[in-house]
Amino acid sequence: MDVTLKPFNFAQAAARAGLGVNGLPLANNNKAAGTAGVQGPDFQQALSQALRGVSDTYNQASDMQKQVQLGNPTVSLEETMVAMQKAQIGFQATMQVRNKLVSAYSEIMNMTV
């Protein structure tokens, strides 16, 4: 079973969502036009794509783990361990993004108008 794992690139997902690497919005050259000039996926699509990528990575690692347990000679233990670590790192990064979103939401809700 030849499973290739593609790494998840949070910087690319953030750029697609209009955020810089530091989490701040990218400068918009077309501020007068509002959001009409913005191209590409919105934040929801970028987040959904990122979550789907993490889920796919986890599922591939789980499948590889099952194949190793069944004694499939085409799946090595080393590749399986690397895939499991990639899935774990992706999950931890996802949890950090969730924590930042919850923190930002709480901060917005505590603002006085």
PDB file of N, CA and C in Angstrom:
ATOM      1  N   MET A   1       0.851  -1.178   0.000  1.00  0.00           N
ATOM      2  CA  MET A   1       0.000   0.000   0.000  1.00  0.00           C
ATOM      3  C   MET A   1       0.891   1.235   0.000  1.00  0.00           C
ATOM      4  N   ASP A   2       0.860   1.972  -1.070  1.00  0.00           N
ATOM      5  CA  ASP A   2       1.697   3.154  -1.202  1.00  0.00           C
ATOM      6  C   ASP A   2       0.846   4.386  -0.934  1.00  0.00           C
ATOM      7  N   VAL A   3       0.966   4.922   0.260  1.00  0.00           N
ATOM      8  CA  VAL A   3       0.199   6.097   0.651  1.00  0.00           C
ATOM      9  C   VAL A   3       1.157   7.270   0.747  1.00  0.00           C
ATOM     10  N   THR A   4       0.863   8.310   0.012  1.00  0.00           N
ATOM     11  CA  THR A   4       1.677   9.507   0.105  1.00  0.00           C
ATOM     12  C   THR A   4       0.918  10.547   0.902  1.00  0.00           C
ATOM     13  N   LEU A   5       1.592  11.101   1.847  1.00  0.00           N
ATOM     14  CA  LEU A   5       0.995  12.130   2.685  1.00  0.00           C
ATOM     15  C   LEU A   5       1.464  13.482   2.192  1.00  0.00           C
ATOM     16  N   LYS A   6       0.525  14.374   1.984  1.00  0.00           N
ATOM     17  CA  LYS A   6       0.935  15.705   1.597  1.00  0.00           C
ATOM     18  C   LYS A   6       0.892  16.582   2.845  1.00  0.00           C
ATOM     19  N   PRO A   7       1.954  17.324   3.094  1.00  0.00           N
ATOM     20  CA  PRO A   7       2.002  18.144   4.298  1.00  0.00           C
ATOM     21  C   PRO A   7       1.021  19.303   4.202  1.00  0.00           C
ATOM     22  N   PHE A   8       0.513  19.683   5.346  1.00  0.00           N
ATOM     23  CA  PHE A   8      -0.411  20.801   5.398  1.00  0.00           C
ATOM     24  C   PHE A   8       0.386  22.075   5.590  1.00  0.00           C
ATOM     25  N   ASN A   9       0.100  23.073   4.807  1.00  0.00           N
ATOM     26  CA  ASN A   9       0.827  24.328   4.853  1.00  0.00           C
ATOM     27  C   ASN A   9      -0.088  25.394   5.443  1.00  0.00           C
ATOM     28  N   PHE A  10       0.087  25.683   6.745  1.00  0.00           N
ATOM     29  CA  PHE A  10      -0.751  26.674   7.406  1.00  0.00           C
ATOM     30  C   PHE A  10      -0.505  28.076   6.856  1.00  0.00           C
ATOM     31  N   ALA A  11       0.724  28.369   6.451  1.00  0.00           N
ATOM     32  CA  ALA A  11       1.013  29.689   5.893  1.00  0.00           C
ATOM     33  C   ALA A  11       0.231  29.906   4.602  1.00  0.00           C
ATOM     34  N   GLN A  12       0.135  28.864   3.781  1.00  0.00           N
ATOM     35  CA  GLN A  12      -0.616  28.971   2.531  1.00  0.00           C
ATOM     36  C   GLN A  12      -2.105  29.126   2.820  1.00  0.00           C
ATOM     37  N   ALA A  13      -2.616  28.379   3.796  1.00  0.00           N
ATOM     38  CA  ALA A  13      -4.030  28.493   4.149  1.00  0.00           C
ATOM     39  C   ALA A  13      -4.332  29.873   4.716  1.00  0.00           C
ATOM     40  N   ALA A  14      -3.423  30.400   5.521  1.00  0.00           N
ATOM     41  CA  ALA A  14      -3.621  31.735   6.080  1.00  0.00           C
ATOM     42  C   ALA A  14      -3.606  32.783   4.973  1.00  0.00           C
ATOM     43  N   ALA A  15      -2.709  32.619   4.003  1.00  0.00           N
ATOM     44  CA  ALA A  15      -2.652  33.563   2.884  1.00  0.00           C
ATOM     45  C   ALA A  15      -3.935  33.512   2.069  1.00  0.00           C
ATOM     46  N   ARG A  16      -4.478  32.310   1.882  1.00  0.00           N
ATOM     47  CA  ARG A  16      -5.744  32.187   1.161  1.00  0.00           C
ATOM     48  C   ARG A  16      -6.882  32.848   1.925  1.00  0.00           C
ATOM     49  N   ALA A  17      -6.764  32.861   3.248  1.00  0.00           N
ATOM     50  CA  ALA A  17      -7.796  33.485   4.071  1.00  0.00           C
ATOM     51  C   ALA A  17      -7.571  34.984   4.209  1.00  0.00           C
ATOM     52  N   GLY A  18      -6.495  35.494   3.609  1.00  0.00           N
ATOM     53  CA  GLY A  18      -6.220  36.921   3.671  1.00  0.00           C
ATOM     54  C   GLY A  18      -5.447  37.319   4.908  1.00  0.00           C
ATOM     55  N   LEU A  19      -4.785  36.366   5.556  1.00  0.00           N
ATOM     56  CA  LEU A  19      -4.013  36.649   6.757  1.00  0.00           C
ATOM     57  C   LEU A  19      -2.537  36.445   6.472  1.00  0.00           C
ATOM     58  N   GLY A  20      -1.709  37.217   7.144  1.00  0.00           N
ATOM     59  CA  GLY A  20      -0.274  37.030   7.041  1.00  0.00           C
ATOM     60  C   GLY A  20       0.175  35.907   7.957  1.00  0.00           C
ATOM     61  N   VAL A  21       1.460  35.626   7.950  1.00  0.00           N
ATOM     62  CA  VAL A  21       2.011  34.555   8.776  1.00  0.00           C
ATOM     63  C   VAL A  21       1.803  34.854  10.256  1.00  0.00           C
ATOM     64  N   ASN A  22       1.828  36.142  10.626  1.00  0.00           N
ATOM     65  CA  ASN A  22       1.650  36.517  12.024  1.00  0.00           C
ATOM     66  C   ASN A  22       0.181  36.590  12.435  1.00  0.00           C
ATOM     67  N   GLY A  23      -0.742  36.282  11.538  1.00  0.00           N
ATOM     68  CA  GLY A  23      -2.167  36.287  11.852  1.00  0.00           C
ATOM     69  C   GLY A  23      -2.853  37.613  11.592  1.00  0.00           C
ATOM     70  N   LEU A  24      -2.095  38.642  11.213  1.00  0.00           N
ATOM     71  CA  LEU A  24      -2.678  39.946  10.917  1.00  0.00           C
ATOM     72  C   LEU A  24      -3.146  39.979   9.469  1.00  0.00           C
ATOM     73  N   PRO A  25      -4.196  40.754   9.188  1.00  0.00           N
ATOM     74  CA  PRO A  25      -4.691  40.827   7.805  1.00  0.00           C
ATOM     75  C   PRO A  25      -3.626  41.386   6.865  1.00  0.00           C
ATOM     76  N   LEU A  26      -3.603  40.840   5.661  1.00  0.00           N
ATOM     77  CA  LEU A  26      -2.690  41.346   4.640  1.00  0.00           C
ATOM     78  C   LEU A  26      -3.168  42.706   4.171  1.00  0.00           C
ATOM     79  N   ALA A  27      -2.252  43.547   3.743  1.00  0.00           N
ATOM     80  CA  ALA A  27      -2.614  44.867   3.233  1.00  0.00           C
ATOM     81  C   ALA A  27      -3.399  44.707   1.946  1.00  0.00           C
ATOM     82  N   ASN A  28      -4.500  45.451   1.837  1.00  0.00           N
ATOM     83  CA  ASN A  28      -5.341  45.381   0.642  1.00  0.00           C
ATOM     84  C   ASN A  28      -5.084  46.627  -0.190  1.00  0.00           C
ATOM     85  N   ASN A  29      -4.607  46.447  -1.390  1.00  0.00           N
ATOM     86  CA  ASN A  29      -4.310  47.576  -2.263  1.00  0.00           C
ATOM     87  C   ASN A  29      -5.566  48.244  -2.776  1.00  0.00           C
ATOM     88  N   ASN A  30      -6.696  47.587  -2.710  1.00  0.00           N
ATOM     89  CA  ASN A  30      -7.933  48.095  -3.272  1.00  0.00           C
ATOM     90  C   ASN A  30      -8.930  48.352  -2.145  1.00  0.00           C
ATOM     91  N   LYS A  31      -8.552  49.206  -1.174  1.00  0.00           N
ATOM     92  CA  LYS A  31      -9.408  49.442  -0.014  1.00  0.00           C
ATOM     93  C   LYS A  31     -10.670  50.209  -0.382  1.00  0.00           C
ATOM     94  N   ALA A  32     -10.604  51.073  -1.385  1.00  0.00           N
ATOM     95  CA  ALA A  32     -11.773  51.860  -1.755  1.00  0.00           C
ATOM     96  C   ALA A  32     -12.875  50.986  -2.328  1.00  0.00           C
ATOM     97  N   ALA A  33     -12.502  49.891  -2.954  1.00  0.00           N
ATOM     98  CA  ALA A  33     -13.495  49.017  -3.570  1.00  0.00           C
ATOM     99  C   ALA A  33     -14.116  48.065  -2.559  1.00  0.00           C
ATOM    100  N   GLY A  34     -13.623  48.061  -1.343  1.00  0.00           N
ATOM    101  CA  GLY A  34     -14.173  47.153  -0.340  1.00  0.00           C
ATOM    102  C   GLY A  34     -13.727  45.732  -0.611  1.00  0.00           C
ATOM    103  N   THR A  35     -14.624  44.791  -0.434  1.00  0.00           N
ATOM    104  CA  THR A  35     -14.268  43.390  -0.645  1.00  0.00           C
ATOM    105  C   THR A  35     -14.586  42.925  -2.057  1.00  0.00           C
ATOM    106  N   ALA A  36     -15.040  43.823  -2.916  1.00  0.00           N
ATOM    107  CA  ALA A  36     -15.396  43.420  -4.276  1.00  0.00           C
ATOM    108  C   ALA A  36     -14.172  42.974  -5.064  1.00  0.00           C
ATOM    109  N   GLY A  37     -12.984  43.500  -4.748  1.00  0.00           N
ATOM    110  CA  GLY A  37     -11.789  43.149  -5.487  1.00  0.00           C
ATOM    111  C   GLY A  37     -11.055  41.942  -4.935  1.00  0.00           C
ATOM    112  N   VAL A  38     -11.534  41.363  -3.848  1.00  0.00           N
ATOM    113  CA  VAL A  38     -10.854  40.232  -3.224  1.00  0.00           C
ATOM    114  C   VAL A  38     -11.146  38.969  -4.015  1.00  0.00           C
ATOM    115  N   GLN A  39     -10.093  38.248  -4.357  1.00  0.00           N
ATOM    116  CA  GLN A  39     -10.232  37.012  -5.111  1.00  0.00           C
ATOM    117  C   GLN A  39      -9.785  35.846  -4.246  1.00  0.00           C
ATOM    118  N   GLY A  40     -10.238  34.655  -4.583  1.00  0.00           N
ATOM    119  CA  GLY A  40      -9.816  33.454  -3.872  1.00  0.00           C
ATOM    120  C   GLY A  40     -10.852  33.021  -2.850  1.00  0.00           C
ATOM    121  N   PRO A  41     -10.564  31.931  -2.162  1.00  0.00           N
ATOM    122  CA  PRO A  41     -11.519  31.392  -1.200  1.00  0.00           C
ATOM    123  C   PRO A  41     -11.633  32.277   0.035  1.00  0.00           C
ATOM    124  N   ASP A  42     -12.787  32.267   0.641  1.00  0.00           N
ATOM    125  CA  ASP A  42     -12.970  33.029   1.862  1.00  0.00           C
ATOM    126  C   ASP A  42     -12.440  32.224   3.050  1.00  0.00           C
ATOM    127  N   PHE A  43     -12.552  32.791   4.235  1.00  0.00           N
ATOM    128  CA  PHE A  43     -11.995  32.148   5.428  1.00  0.00           C
ATOM    129  C   PHE A  43     -12.639  30.796   5.686  1.00  0.00           C
ATOM    130  N   GLN A  44     -13.939  30.710   5.496  1.00  0.00           N
ATOM    131  CA  GLN A  44     -14.634  29.441   5.736  1.00  0.00           C
ATOM    132  C   GLN A  44     -14.097  28.346   4.816  1.00  0.00           C
ATOM    133  N   GLN A  45     -13.904  28.674   3.549  1.00  0.00           N
ATOM    134  CA  GLN A  45     -13.383  27.681   2.609  1.00  0.00           C
ATOM    135  C   GLN A  45     -11.955  27.278   2.962  1.00  0.00           C
ATOM    136  N   ALA A  46     -11.137  28.257   3.332  1.00  0.00           N
ATOM    137  CA  ALA A  46      -9.751  27.954   3.696  1.00  0.00           C
ATOM    138  C   ALA A  46      -9.700  27.082   4.944  1.00  0.00           C
ATOM    139  N   LEU A  47     -10.533  27.398   5.921  1.00  0.00           N
ATOM    140  CA  LEU A  47     -10.564  26.605   7.151  1.00  0.00           C
ATOM    141  C   LEU A  47     -11.095  25.208   6.879  1.00  0.00           C
ATOM    142  N   SER A  48     -12.130  25.106   6.068  1.00  0.00           N
ATOM    143  CA  SER A  48     -12.675  23.790   5.715  1.00  0.00           C
ATOM    144  C   SER A  48     -11.639  22.950   4.985  1.00  0.00           C
ATOM    145  N   GLN A  49     -10.917  23.565   4.072  1.00  0.00           N
ATOM    146  CA  GLN A  49      -9.881  22.855   3.330  1.00  0.00           C
ATOM    147  C   GLN A  49      -8.770  22.398   4.278  1.00  0.00           C
ATOM    148  N   ALA A  50      -8.395  23.247   5.208  1.00  0.00           N
ATOM    149  CA  ALA A  50      -7.356  22.886   6.171  1.00  0.00           C
ATOM    150  C   ALA A  50      -7.803  21.725   7.048  1.00  0.00           C
ATOM    151  N   LEU A  51      -9.039  21.782   7.534  1.00  0.00           N
ATOM    152  CA  LEU A  51      -9.557  20.702   8.374  1.00  0.00           C
ATOM    153  C   LEU A  51      -9.672  19.401   7.592  1.00  0.00           C
ATOM    154  N   ARG A  52     -10.071  19.507   6.344  1.00  0.00           N
ATOM    155  CA  ARG A  52     -10.166  18.320   5.495  1.00  0.00           C
ATOM    156  C   ARG A  52      -8.780  17.702   5.291  1.00  0.00           C
ATOM    157  N   GLY A  53      -7.777  18.539   5.105  1.00  0.00           N
ATOM    158  CA  GLY A  53      -6.411  18.051   4.945  1.00  0.00           C
ATOM    159  C   GLY A  53      -5.905  17.338   6.190  1.00  0.00           C
ATOM    160  N   VAL A  54      -6.191  17.898   7.360  1.00  0.00           N
ATOM    161  CA  VAL A  54      -5.787  17.259   8.614  1.00  0.00           C
ATOM    162  C   VAL A  54      -6.525  15.939   8.788  1.00  0.00           C
ATOM    163  N   SER A  55      -7.804  15.928   8.465  1.00  0.00           N
ATOM    164  CA  SER A  55      -8.592  14.700   8.576  1.00  0.00           C
ATOM    165  C   SER A  55      -8.076  13.627   7.623  1.00  0.00           C
ATOM    166  N   ASP A  56      -7.760  14.013   6.397  1.00  0.00           N
ATOM    167  CA  ASP A  56      -7.228  13.053   5.422  1.00  0.00           C
ATOM    168  C   ASP A  56      -5.893  12.478   5.891  1.00  0.00           C
ATOM    169  N   THR A  57      -5.043  13.336   6.443  1.00  0.00           N
ATOM    170  CA  THR A  57      -3.750  12.882   6.953  1.00  0.00           C
ATOM    171  C   THR A  57      -3.944  11.879   8.080  1.00  0.00           C
ATOM    172  N   TYR A  58      -4.884  12.172   8.980  1.00  0.00           N
ATOM    173  CA  TYR A  58      -5.163  11.256  10.092  1.00  0.00           C
ATOM    174  C   TYR A  58      -5.706   9.927   9.570  1.00  0.00           C
ATOM    175  N   ASN A  59      -6.622   9.983   8.608  1.00  0.00           N
ATOM    176  CA  ASN A  59      -7.200   8.753   8.057  1.00  0.00           C
ATOM    177  C   ASN A  59      -6.149   7.904   7.346  1.00  0.00           C
ATOM    178  N   GLN A  60      -5.240   8.540   6.611  1.00  0.00           N
ATOM    179  CA  GLN A  60      -4.173   7.802   5.940  1.00  0.00           C
ATOM    180  C   GLN A  60      -3.250   7.136   6.958  1.00  0.00           C
ATOM    181  N   ALA A  61      -2.922   7.863   8.019  1.00  0.00           N
ATOM    182  CA  ALA A  61      -2.065   7.287   9.060  1.00  0.00           C
ATOM    183  C   ALA A  61      -2.763   6.125   9.751  1.00  0.00           C
ATOM    184  N   SER A  62      -4.053   6.259   9.975  1.00  0.00           N
ATOM    185  CA  SER A  62      -4.822   5.184  10.607  1.00  0.00           C
ATOM    186  C   SER A  62      -4.867   3.950   9.711  1.00  0.00           C
ATOM    187  N   ASP A  63      -5.061   4.160   8.414  1.00  0.00           N
ATOM    188  CA  ASP A  63      -5.065   3.038   7.471  1.00  0.00           C
ATOM    189  C   ASP A  63      -3.704   2.344   7.432  1.00  0.00           C
ATOM    190  N   MET A  64      -2.648   3.143   7.440  1.00  0.00           N
ATOM    191  CA  MET A  64      -1.306   2.560   7.446  1.00  0.00           C
ATOM    192  C   MET A  64      -1.065   1.754   8.721  1.00  0.00           C
ATOM    193  N   GLN A  65      -1.554   2.272   9.841  1.00  0.00           N
ATOM    194  CA  GLN A  65      -1.393   1.571  11.112  1.00  0.00           C
ATOM    195  C   GLN A  65      -2.107   0.218  11.072  1.00  0.00           C
ATOM    196  N   LYS A  66      -3.299   0.195  10.509  1.00  0.00           N
ATOM    197  CA  LYS A  66      -4.040  -1.064  10.387  1.00  0.00           C
ATOM    198  C   LYS A  66      -3.295  -2.054   9.498  1.00  0.00           C
ATOM    199  N   GLN A  67      -2.714  -1.550   8.400  1.00  0.00           N
ATOM    200  CA  GLN A  67      -1.983  -2.424   7.486  1.00  0.00           C
ATOM    201  C   GLN A  67      -0.740  -3.020   8.157  1.00  0.00           C
ATOM    202  N   VAL A  68      -0.066  -2.221   8.974  1.00  0.00           N
ATOM    203  CA  VAL A  68       1.098  -2.736   9.701  1.00  0.00           C
ATOM    204  C   VAL A  68       0.662  -3.807  10.693  1.00  0.00           C
ATOM    205  N   GLN A  69      -0.455  -3.567  11.379  1.00  0.00           N
ATOM    206  CA  GLN A  69      -0.945  -4.542  12.353  1.00  0.00           C
ATOM    207  C   GLN A  69      -1.375  -5.842  11.683  1.00  0.00           C
ATOM    208  N   LEU A  70      -1.859  -5.746  10.445  1.00  0.00           N
ATOM    209  CA  LEU A  70      -2.267  -6.943   9.714  1.00  0.00           C
ATOM    210  C   LEU A  70      -1.077  -7.654   9.064  1.00  0.00           C
ATOM    211  N   GLY A  71       0.097  -7.052   9.146  1.00  0.00           N
ATOM    212  CA  GLY A  71       1.292  -7.692   8.616  1.00  0.00           C
ATOM    213  C   GLY A  71       1.525  -7.480   7.136  1.00  0.00           C
ATOM    214  N   ASN A  72       0.975  -6.429   6.574  1.00  0.00           N
ATOM    215  CA  ASN A  72       1.178  -6.121   5.159  1.00  0.00           C
ATOM    216  C   ASN A  72       2.651  -5.763   4.927  1.00  0.00           C
ATOM    217  N   PRO A  73       3.355  -6.527   4.093  1.00  0.00           N
ATOM    218  CA  PRO A  73       4.789  -6.268   3.895  1.00  0.00           C
ATOM    219  C   PRO A  73       5.090  -5.010   3.083  1.00  0.00           C
ATOM    220  N   THR A  74       4.105  -4.435   2.420  1.00  0.00           N
ATOM    221  CA  THR A  74       4.356  -3.245   1.602  1.00  0.00           C
ATOM    222  C   THR A  74       4.325  -1.962   2.421  1.00  0.00           C
ATOM    223  N   VAL A  75       3.858  -2.039   3.664  1.00  0.00           N
ATOM    224  CA  VAL A  75       3.784  -0.853   4.520  1.00  0.00           C
ATOM    225  C   VAL A  75       4.817  -1.016   5.628  1.00  0.00           C
ATOM    226  N   SER A  76       5.758  -0.085   5.684  1.00  0.00           N
ATOM    227  CA  SER A  76       6.810  -0.200   6.694  1.00  0.00           C
ATOM    228  C   SER A  76       6.386   0.489   7.989  1.00  0.00           C
ATOM    229  N   LEU A  77       6.944   0.005   9.066  1.00  0.00           N
ATOM    230  CA  LEU A  77       6.665   0.584  10.375  1.00  0.00           C
ATOM    231  C   LEU A  77       7.177   2.021  10.450  1.00  0.00           C
ATOM    232  N   GLU A  78       8.317   2.281   9.825  1.00  0.00           N
ATOM    233  CA  GLU A  78       8.896   3.627   9.858  1.00  0.00           C
ATOM    234  C   GLU A  78       7.990   4.639   9.166  1.00  0.00           C
ATOM    235  N   GLU A  79       7.488   4.279   7.981  1.00  0.00           N
ATOM    236  CA  GLU A  79       6.580   5.178   7.257  1.00  0.00           C
ATOM    237  C   GLU A  79       5.308   5.416   8.060  1.00  0.00           C
ATOM    238  N   THR A  80       4.840   4.366   8.716  1.00  0.00           N
ATOM    239  CA  THR A  80       3.626   4.480   9.518  1.00  0.00           C
ATOM    240  C   THR A  80       3.844   5.408  10.699  1.00  0.00           C
ATOM    241  N   MET A  81       4.980   5.285  11.365  1.00  0.00           N
ATOM    242  CA  MET A  81       5.272   6.148  12.510  1.00  0.00           C
ATOM    243  C   MET A  81       5.393   7.610  12.077  1.00  0.00           C
ATOM    244  N   VAL A  82       6.030   7.844  10.930  1.00  0.00           N
ATOM    245  CA  VAL A  82       6.153   9.212  10.417  1.00  0.00           C
ATOM    246  C   VAL A  82       4.768   9.769  10.084  1.00  0.00           C
ATOM    247  N   ALA A  83       3.929   8.955   9.453  1.00  0.00           N
ATOM    248  CA  ALA A  83       2.573   9.396   9.108  1.00  0.00           C
ATOM    249  C   ALA A  83       1.769   9.707  10.363  1.00  0.00           C
ATOM    250  N   MET A  84       1.932   8.896  11.404  1.00  0.00           N
ATOM    251  CA  MET A  84       1.216   9.142  12.656  1.00  0.00           C
ATOM    252  C   MET A  84       1.688  10.437  13.310  1.00  0.00           C
ATOM    253  N   GLN A  85       2.995  10.711  13.256  1.00  0.00           N
ATOM    254  CA  GLN A  85       3.521  11.951  13.824  1.00  0.00           C
ATOM    255  C   GLN A  85       3.028  13.168  13.043  1.00  0.00           C
ATOM    256  N   LYS A  86       2.976  13.050  11.712  1.00  0.00           N
ATOM    257  CA  LYS A  86       2.452  14.151  10.893  1.00  0.00           C
ATOM    258  C   LYS A  86       0.992  14.422  11.235  1.00  0.00           C
ATOM    259  N   ALA A  87       0.225  13.361  11.418  1.00  0.00           N
ATOM    260  CA  ALA A  87      -1.184  13.523  11.770  1.00  0.00           C
ATOM    261  C   ALA A  87      -1.320  14.178  13.137  1.00  0.00           C
ATOM    262  N   GLN A  88      -0.473  13.778  14.078  1.00  0.00           N
ATOM    263  CA  GLN A  88      -0.532  14.355  15.422  1.00  0.00           C
ATOM    264  C   GLN A  88      -0.151  15.836  15.397  1.00  0.00           C
ATOM    265  N   ILE A  89       0.870  16.185  14.638  1.00  0.00           N
ATOM    266  CA  ILE A  89       1.280  17.585  14.528  1.00  0.00           C
ATOM    267  C   ILE A  89       0.182  18.413  13.871  1.00  0.00           C
ATOM    268  N   GLY A  90      -0.441  17.872  12.832  1.00  0.00           N
ATOM    269  CA  GLY A  90      -1.551  18.572  12.187  1.00  0.00           C
ATOM    270  C   GLY A  90      -2.709  18.793  13.136  1.00  0.00           C
ATOM    271  N   PHE A  91      -3.010  17.783  13.957  1.00  0.00           N
ATOM    272  CA  PHE A  91      -4.095  17.917  14.929  1.00  0.00           C
ATOM    273  C   PHE A  91      -3.748  18.967  15.979  1.00  0.00           C
ATOM    274  N   GLN A  92      -2.514  18.959  16.468  1.00  0.00           N
ATOM    275  CA  GLN A  92      -2.104  19.952  17.459  1.00  0.00           C
ATOM    276  C   GLN A  92      -2.166  21.364  16.883  1.00  0.00           C
ATOM    277  N   ALA A  93      -1.747  21.520  15.640  1.00  0.00           N
ATOM    278  CA  ALA A  93      -1.822  22.833  14.997  1.00  0.00           C
ATOM    279  C   ALA A  93      -3.272  23.268  14.837  1.00  0.00           C
ATOM    280  N   THR A  94      -4.143  22.327  14.509  1.00  0.00           N
ATOM    281  CA  THR A  94      -5.570  22.632  14.391  1.00  0.00           C
ATOM    282  C   THR A  94      -6.135  23.090  15.727  1.00  0.00           C
ATOM    283  N   MET A  95      -5.721  22.439  16.794  1.00  0.00           N
ATOM    284  CA  MET A  95      -6.190  22.835  18.125  1.00  0.00           C
ATOM    285  C   MET A  95      -5.694  24.237  18.480  1.00  0.00           C
ATOM    286  N   GLN A  96      -4.483  24.588  18.075  1.00  0.00           N
ATOM    287  CA  GLN A  96      -3.968  25.925  18.337  1.00  0.00           C
ATOM    288  C   GLN A  96      -4.767  26.979  17.567  1.00  0.00           C
ATOM    289  N   VAL A  97      -5.118  26.659  16.327  1.00  0.00           N
ATOM    290  CA  VAL A  97      -5.948  27.584  15.542  1.00  0.00           C
ATOM    291  C   VAL A  97      -7.305  27.747  16.209  1.00  0.00           C
ATOM    292  N   ARG A  98      -7.891  26.631  16.662  1.00  0.00           N
ATOM    293  CA  ARG A  98      -9.180  26.701  17.350  1.00  0.00           C
ATOM    294  C   ARG A  98      -9.073  27.564  18.600  1.00  0.00           C
ATOM    295  N   ASN A  99      -8.015  27.379  19.376  1.00  0.00           N
ATOM    296  CA  ASN A  99      -7.835  28.162  20.597  1.00  0.00           C
ATOM    297  C   ASN A  99      -7.707  29.648  20.285  1.00  0.00           C
ATOM    298  N   LYS A 100      -6.986  29.979  19.218  1.00  0.00           N
ATOM    299  CA  LYS A 100      -6.850  31.387  18.822  1.00  0.00           C
ATOM    300  C   LYS A 100      -8.198  31.967  18.386  1.00  0.00           C
ATOM    301  N   LEU A 101      -8.978  31.181  17.649  1.00  0.00           N
ATOM    302  CA  LEU A 101     -10.294  31.655  17.214  1.00  0.00           C
ATOM    303  C   LEU A 101     -11.217  31.878  18.405  1.00  0.00           C
ATOM    304  N   VAL A 102     -11.209  30.957  19.355  1.00  0.00           N
ATOM    305  CA  VAL A 102     -12.048  31.104  20.550  1.00  0.00           C
ATOM    306  C   VAL A 102     -11.599  32.311  21.357  1.00  0.00           C
ATOM    307  N   SER A 103     -10.293  32.500  21.475  1.00  0.00           N
ATOM    308  CA  SER A 103      -9.764  33.648  22.200  1.00  0.00           C
ATOM    309  C   SER A 103     -10.167  34.957  21.518  1.00  0.00           C
ATOM    310  N   ALA A 104     -10.055  35.008  20.201  1.00  0.00           N
ATOM    311  CA  ALA A 104     -10.441  36.214  19.461  1.00  0.00           C
ATOM    312  C   ALA A 104     -11.938  36.477  19.594  1.00  0.00           C
ATOM    313  N   TYR A 105     -12.742  35.418  19.530  1.00  0.00           N
ATOM    314  CA  TYR A 105     -14.189  35.573  19.684  1.00  0.00           C
ATOM    315  C   TYR A 105     -14.522  36.105  21.074  1.00  0.00           C
ATOM    316  N   SER A 106     -13.884  35.563  22.095  1.00  0.00           N
ATOM    317  CA  SER A 106     -14.133  36.025  23.466  1.00  0.00           C
ATOM    318  C   SER A 106     -13.735  37.483  23.624  1.00  0.00           C
ATOM    319  N   GLU A 107     -12.620  37.852  23.015  1.00  0.00           N
ATOM    320  CA  GLU A 107     -12.159  39.231  23.090  1.00  0.00           C
ATOM    321  C   GLU A 107     -13.148  40.175  22.408  1.00  0.00           C
ATOM    322  N   ILE A 108     -13.666  39.772  21.268  1.00  0.00           N
ATOM    323  CA  ILE A 108     -14.648  40.597  20.556  1.00  0.00           C
ATOM    324  C   ILE A 108     -15.928  40.723  21.371  1.00  0.00           C
ATOM    325  N   MET A 109     -16.363  39.634  21.983  1.00  0.00           N
ATOM    326  CA  MET A 109     -17.596  39.664  22.772  1.00  0.00           C
ATOM    327  C   MET A 109     -17.453  40.531  24.019  1.00  0.00           C
ATOM    328  N   ASN A 110     -16.242  40.700  24.531  1.00  0.00           N
ATOM    329  CA  ASN A 110     -16.017  41.512  25.726  1.00  0.00           C
ATOM    330  C   ASN A 110     -15.807  42.985  25.413  1.00  0.00           C
ATOM    331  N   MET A 111     -15.786  43.346  24.139  1.00  0.00           N
ATOM    332  CA  MET A 111     -15.610  44.751  23.763  1.00  0.00           C
ATOM    333  C   MET A 111     -16.860  45.547  24.101  1.00  0.00           C
ATOM    334  N   THR A 112     -16.630  46.773  24.541  1.00  0.00           N
ATOM    335  CA  THR A 112     -17.767  47.661  24.788  1.00  0.00           C
ATOM    336  C   THR A 112     -17.995  48.511  23.550  1.00  0.00           C
ATOM    337  N   VAL A 113     -19.257  48.720  23.253  1.00  0.00           N
ATOM    338  CA  VAL A 113     -19.603  49.472  22.047  1.00  0.00           C
ATOM    339  C   VAL A 113     -20.098  50.836  22.413  1.00  0.00           C
TER     340      VAL A 113
END
